[in-house]
Amino acid sequence: MVAVRRISVLGAGSWGTALASTLAGAGSTITLWARRADQVTELRSGRNSQFLGDRTLAPELDYTADFRAAIDSADAIILATPAATTAELCGMIGESSVPCVLLAKGLERGTGRRLSTVAAEALGPASEVLVLLGPSHAEEVIEGQPTAIVLAGGSAPTRDSLQQEFSHANLRVYTNDDLIGVELAGALKNVLAIAAGLCDGLGLGDNAKGALLARGVAEIARIGEKLGGRRETFFGLSGVGDVITTCLSRHSRNRALGERVGRGESLENAMVAIGQVVEGADTTRTVVDLAKREGEVVPIASEVAAVLFEGKAPAEAMNDLMLRTLKPEWGSAPG
């Protein structure tokens, strides 16, 4: 089993900080890297007020703004930055054989490539790239609420070693050898969260949201399987598990974006109001493009894209979903 003694977490946003804090509190040796020295100063006071309010960080957690020092001291690296910065950060790391775990739930803008592919290209042929995904709101993790997530990618020995290192009383880590499925499920469910928020913004009620999410899971499983994932993965933690959490929670940025747009705000104003990266917006555009390339029908993602990027009224989009051609729930006819 691969020995993991020192872990560097790159990115002091909400999830990176929360994961670093809970791991350090459970006994792991963790260094959290932030881009700015002034942010490190605040972190050393035990707070990350921008992202986590007045919640207290584990006193065992160490901090640095020195990127090279964080990288050179690590037996494993956790990349906790937005999807759009994956290539940049991995390029800064350079060729490496140190396991690199990605937390972002998204796809590369423009190409639709999975982030593990982007990272592996930058880190070189000796790299081991993994993803750690699932229902994991930072606000609950840092408060010690029970959380279960899934680790995929890399070699089996590396997965097993990191599973042991990451797991503790409040954080249960499963492993999965379906990297493609886990990664796609984690990215595509954000589109459903925006759709769920549109339902909330329109005041459509629980019946509509339940139907939307059930059909949405079928939609992401269908396109995900076409792209190489295993169907059952989309009904696991990174799929259904994260769909439930992200689509229902007040903490979800993707759901909040949809709710604001559903109430009549523009996409731009909603983004500004939320004040953090909302991965699902880019992913919506990307999944529609991927579906066209693969000859798949993704009615929910297509309607969300029309609302976000083409000015379609949310109520009209929901009406068009209800009036689609009738078909069996399961069978050859998609959608």
Foldseek 3Di string as FASTA:
>chain_A
DQDWQEEEEEEDALQSQLLLQLLQLQPGHYEYEDQDPVQQVVVQVQDNCVHANPQGGHNRYHYDNDVVVRLVVGLAYEYEDELACLLVVLLVSAADLREYEYEYQAAHFPPRHFSQVSNDVRRDDNYWYKYKAFACQSNCSNVLAADEIEIETGDPVVRVNVQVSSDDDRYHYHYDDFRLLLNLQLRQLLLLLLLLLLCVLQVVDDVLNVVSLVLSLVLSLVLSVLVPGDSVSLVDGSHPRNSVNQNPDPSHLSSQLSNVVSNPDASVVSCVVSPDDRRNLSRLVSVVVSCVVSVHDRLSSVLSNCVRPVVDRSVVSSVVVVPPDDDDPDDDDRD
